[in-house]
Amino acid sequence: MQTVLRTLLELEGFAVSIAPIHQGQEALFSFIRSEHPDAILLDVHLGETSGFEVLRQIRQDPVISQIRIIMTSGMDVHDRCLTAGADGFVLKPFMPDELIQKLHG
């Protein structure tokens, strides 16, 4: 899925970086701080950690707290994501146009 999303976003003119989510939270936050992306597409379920926890930590970090975060899930947790501090939510499966629109804000 990452390959498909990367291709789609690059065709839309986005520069795409894929975070090392399986290398632990410190590696993830180091990556985000160094890349300082305009937007993050963040899944609610990340394996060993929760997307909500990652969102919380990003919002608490003054260096990266203002990055636009769009969360995604196969479950409709739209309200929970927005309440937790996400800038948007996309329910999977989603249409590419919906994701592009959310990323542009």
C-alpha atoms as a PDB file:
ATOM      1  CA  MET A   1       0.000   0.000   0.000  1.00  0.00           C
ATOM      2  CA  GLN A   2       2.894   2.362   0.730  1.00  0.00           C
ATOM      3  CA  THR A   3       4.150   1.976  -2.835  1.00  0.00           C
ATOM      4  CA  VAL A   4       0.733   2.789  -4.303  1.00  0.00           C
ATOM      5  CA  LEU A   5       0.303   5.820  -2.043  1.00  0.00           C
ATOM      6  CA  ARG A   6       3.824   7.026  -2.761  1.00  0.00           C
ATOM      7  CA  THR A   7       3.238   6.811  -6.522  1.00  0.00           C
ATOM      8  CA  LEU A   8      -0.133   8.555  -6.270  1.00  0.00           C
ATOM      9  CA  LEU A   9       1.237  11.388  -4.139  1.00  0.00           C
ATOM     10  CA  GLU A  10       4.340  11.853  -6.264  1.00  0.00           C
ATOM     11  CA  LEU A  11       2.142  12.099  -9.379  1.00  0.00           C
ATOM     12  CA  GLU A  12       0.289  14.882  -7.561  1.00  0.00           C
ATOM     13  CA  GLY A  13       3.559  16.748  -6.970  1.00  0.00           C
ATOM     14  CA  PHE A  14       4.230  15.748  -3.366  1.00  0.00           C
ATOM     15  CA  ALA A  15       7.715  14.799  -2.191  1.00  0.00           C
ATOM     16  CA  VAL A  16       7.185  11.602  -0.196  1.00  0.00           C
ATOM     17  CA  SER A  17       9.258  10.147   2.636  1.00  0.00           C
ATOM     18  CA  ILE A  18       8.312   6.964   4.445  1.00  0.00           C
ATOM     19  CA  ALA A  19       9.010   7.009   8.159  1.00  0.00           C
ATOM     20  CA  PRO A  20      10.820   4.118   9.870  1.00  0.00           C
ATOM     21  CA  ILE A  21       7.885   3.130  12.104  1.00  0.00           C
ATOM     22  CA  HIS A  22       9.324  -0.311  12.855  1.00  0.00           C
ATOM     23  CA  GLN A  23      12.570   1.080  14.302  1.00  0.00           C
ATOM     24  CA  GLY A  24      10.944   2.430  17.444  1.00  0.00           C
ATOM     25  CA  GLN A  25       9.428   5.708  18.503  1.00  0.00           C
ATOM     26  CA  GLU A  26      12.713   7.571  18.993  1.00  0.00           C
ATOM     27  CA  ALA A  27      13.777   6.770  15.413  1.00  0.00           C
ATOM     28  CA  LEU A  28      10.347   7.870  14.197  1.00  0.00           C
ATOM     29  CA  PHE A  29      10.474  11.224  15.999  1.00  0.00           C
ATOM     30  CA  SER A  30      14.073  11.804  14.942  1.00  0.00           C
ATOM     31  CA  PHE A  31      13.004  11.185  11.340  1.00  0.00           C
ATOM     32  CA  ILE A  32      10.046  13.588  11.626  1.00  0.00           C
ATOM     33  CA  ARG A  33      12.210  16.300  13.223  1.00  0.00           C
ATOM     34  CA  SER A  34      14.887  15.996  10.539  1.00  0.00           C
ATOM     35  CA  GLU A  35      12.480  15.800   7.568  1.00  0.00           C
ATOM     36  CA  HIS A  36      10.006  18.349   9.002  1.00  0.00           C
ATOM     37  CA  PRO A  37       7.324  17.447   6.424  1.00  0.00           C
ATOM     38  CA  ASP A  38       4.434  19.709   5.457  1.00  0.00           C
ATOM     39  CA  ALA A  39       2.010  16.878   6.234  1.00  0.00           C
ATOM     40  CA  ILE A  40       1.942  13.409   7.765  1.00  0.00           C
ATOM     41  CA  LEU A  41      -0.417  10.605   6.784  1.00  0.00           C
ATOM     42  CA  LEU A  42      -0.716   8.634  10.018  1.00  0.00           C
ATOM     43  CA  ASP A  43      -2.531   5.332  10.439  1.00  0.00           C
ATOM     44  CA  VAL A  44      -4.352   4.732  13.718  1.00  0.00           C
ATOM     45  CA  HIS A  45      -2.854   1.226  13.949  1.00  0.00           C
ATOM     46  CA  LEU A  46       0.940   1.087  13.725  1.00  0.00           C
ATOM     47  CA  GLY A  47       1.681  -2.353  15.065  1.00  0.00           C
ATOM     48  CA  GLU A  48       3.418  -2.002  18.407  1.00  0.00           C
ATOM     49  CA  THR A  49       2.289   1.563  18.992  1.00  0.00           C
ATOM     50  CA  SER A  50      -0.857   3.568  18.460  1.00  0.00           C
ATOM     51  CA  GLY A  51      -1.243   6.360  15.953  1.00  0.00           C
ATOM     52  CA  PHE A  52      -3.007   8.270  18.724  1.00  0.00           C
ATOM     53  CA  GLU A  53       0.128   8.059  20.870  1.00  0.00           C
ATOM     54  CA  VAL A  54       2.308   9.253  17.992  1.00  0.00           C
ATOM     55  CA  LEU A  55      -0.143  12.110  17.351  1.00  0.00           C
ATOM     56  CA  ARG A  56      -0.083  13.097  21.024  1.00  0.00           C
ATOM     57  CA  GLN A  57       3.708  13.163  21.111  1.00  0.00           C
ATOM     58  CA  ILE A  58       3.962  15.181  17.892  1.00  0.00           C
ATOM     59  CA  ARG A  59       1.511  17.750  19.228  1.00  0.00           C
ATOM     60  CA  GLN A  60       3.554  18.064  22.445  1.00  0.00           C
ATOM     61  CA  ASP A  61       6.851  18.659  20.624  1.00  0.00           C
ATOM     62  CA  PRO A  62       7.279  22.394  19.871  1.00  0.00           C
ATOM     63  CA  VAL A  63       9.606  21.671  16.933  1.00  0.00           C
ATOM     64  CA  ILE A  64       7.050  19.570  15.009  1.00  0.00           C
ATOM     65  CA  SER A  65       3.700  20.335  16.647  1.00  0.00           C
ATOM     66  CA  GLN A  66       2.363  22.434  13.754  1.00  0.00           C
ATOM     67  CA  ILE A  67       2.800  19.766  11.066  1.00  0.00           C
ATOM     68  CA  ARG A  68      -0.496  18.938   9.355  1.00  0.00           C
ATOM     69  CA  ILE A  69      -1.569  15.401  10.333  1.00  0.00           C
ATOM     70  CA  ILE A  70      -4.178  13.378   8.466  1.00  0.00           C
ATOM     71  CA  MET A  71      -5.106  10.149  10.213  1.00  0.00           C
ATOM     72  CA  THR A  72      -6.522   7.077   8.529  1.00  0.00           C
ATOM     73  CA  SER A  73      -8.184   3.864   9.666  1.00  0.00           C
ATOM     74  CA  GLY A  74     -10.491   1.111   8.496  1.00  0.00           C
ATOM     75  CA  MET A  75     -12.735   1.986  11.447  1.00  0.00           C
ATOM     76  CA  ASP A  76     -14.684   5.239  11.561  1.00  0.00           C
ATOM     77  CA  VAL A  77     -12.825   7.045  14.329  1.00  0.00           C
ATOM     78  CA  HIS A  78     -13.143  10.463  12.692  1.00  0.00           C
ATOM     79  CA  ASP A  79     -14.327  12.315  15.788  1.00  0.00           C
ATOM     80  CA  ARG A  80     -11.751  10.661  18.035  1.00  0.00           C
ATOM     81  CA  CYS A  81      -8.915  11.635  15.664  1.00  0.00           C
ATOM     82  CA  LEU A  82     -10.006  15.257  15.441  1.00  0.00           C
ATOM     83  CA  THR A  83     -10.502  15.466  19.205  1.00  0.00           C
ATOM     84  CA  ALA A  84      -6.986  14.051  19.697  1.00  0.00           C
ATOM     85  CA  GLY A  85      -5.515  16.815  17.530  1.00  0.00           C
ATOM     86  CA  ALA A  86      -5.482  15.503  13.959  1.00  0.00           C
ATOM     87  CA  ASP A  87      -6.161  17.988  11.172  1.00  0.00           C
ATOM     88  CA  GLY A  88      -8.236  15.497   9.225  1.00  0.00           C
ATOM     89  CA  PHE A  89      -9.343  11.888   8.906  1.00  0.00           C
ATOM     90  CA  VAL A  90      -9.789   9.562   5.931  1.00  0.00           C
ATOM     91  CA  LEU A  91     -11.721   6.291   6.264  1.00  0.00           C
ATOM     92  CA  LYS A  92     -10.144   3.313   4.450  1.00  0.00           C
ATOM     93  CA  PRO A  93     -10.663   2.349   1.747  1.00  0.00           C
ATOM     94  CA  PHE A  94     -10.592   5.870   0.360  1.00  0.00           C
ATOM     95  CA  MET A  95     -10.603   7.452  -3.060  1.00  0.00           C
ATOM     96  CA  PRO A  96      -7.329   9.127  -4.073  1.00  0.00           C
ATOM     97  CA  ASP A  97      -9.062  12.485  -4.608  1.00  0.00           C
ATOM     98  CA  GLU A  98     -10.316  12.462  -1.013  1.00  0.00           C
ATOM     99  CA  LEU A  99      -6.792  11.962   0.342  1.00  0.00           C
ATOM    100  CA  ILE A 100      -5.314  14.645  -1.921  1.00  0.00           C
ATOM    101  CA  GLN A 101      -8.005  17.101  -0.829  1.00  0.00           C
ATOM    102  CA  LYS A 102      -7.333  16.414   2.870  1.00  0.00           C
ATOM    103  CA  LEU A 103      -3.577  16.820   2.430  1.00  0.00           C
ATOM    104  CA  HIS A 104      -4.023  20.166   0.717  1.00  0.00           C
ATOM    105  CA  GLY A 105      -6.279  21.296   3.542  1.00  0.00           C
END
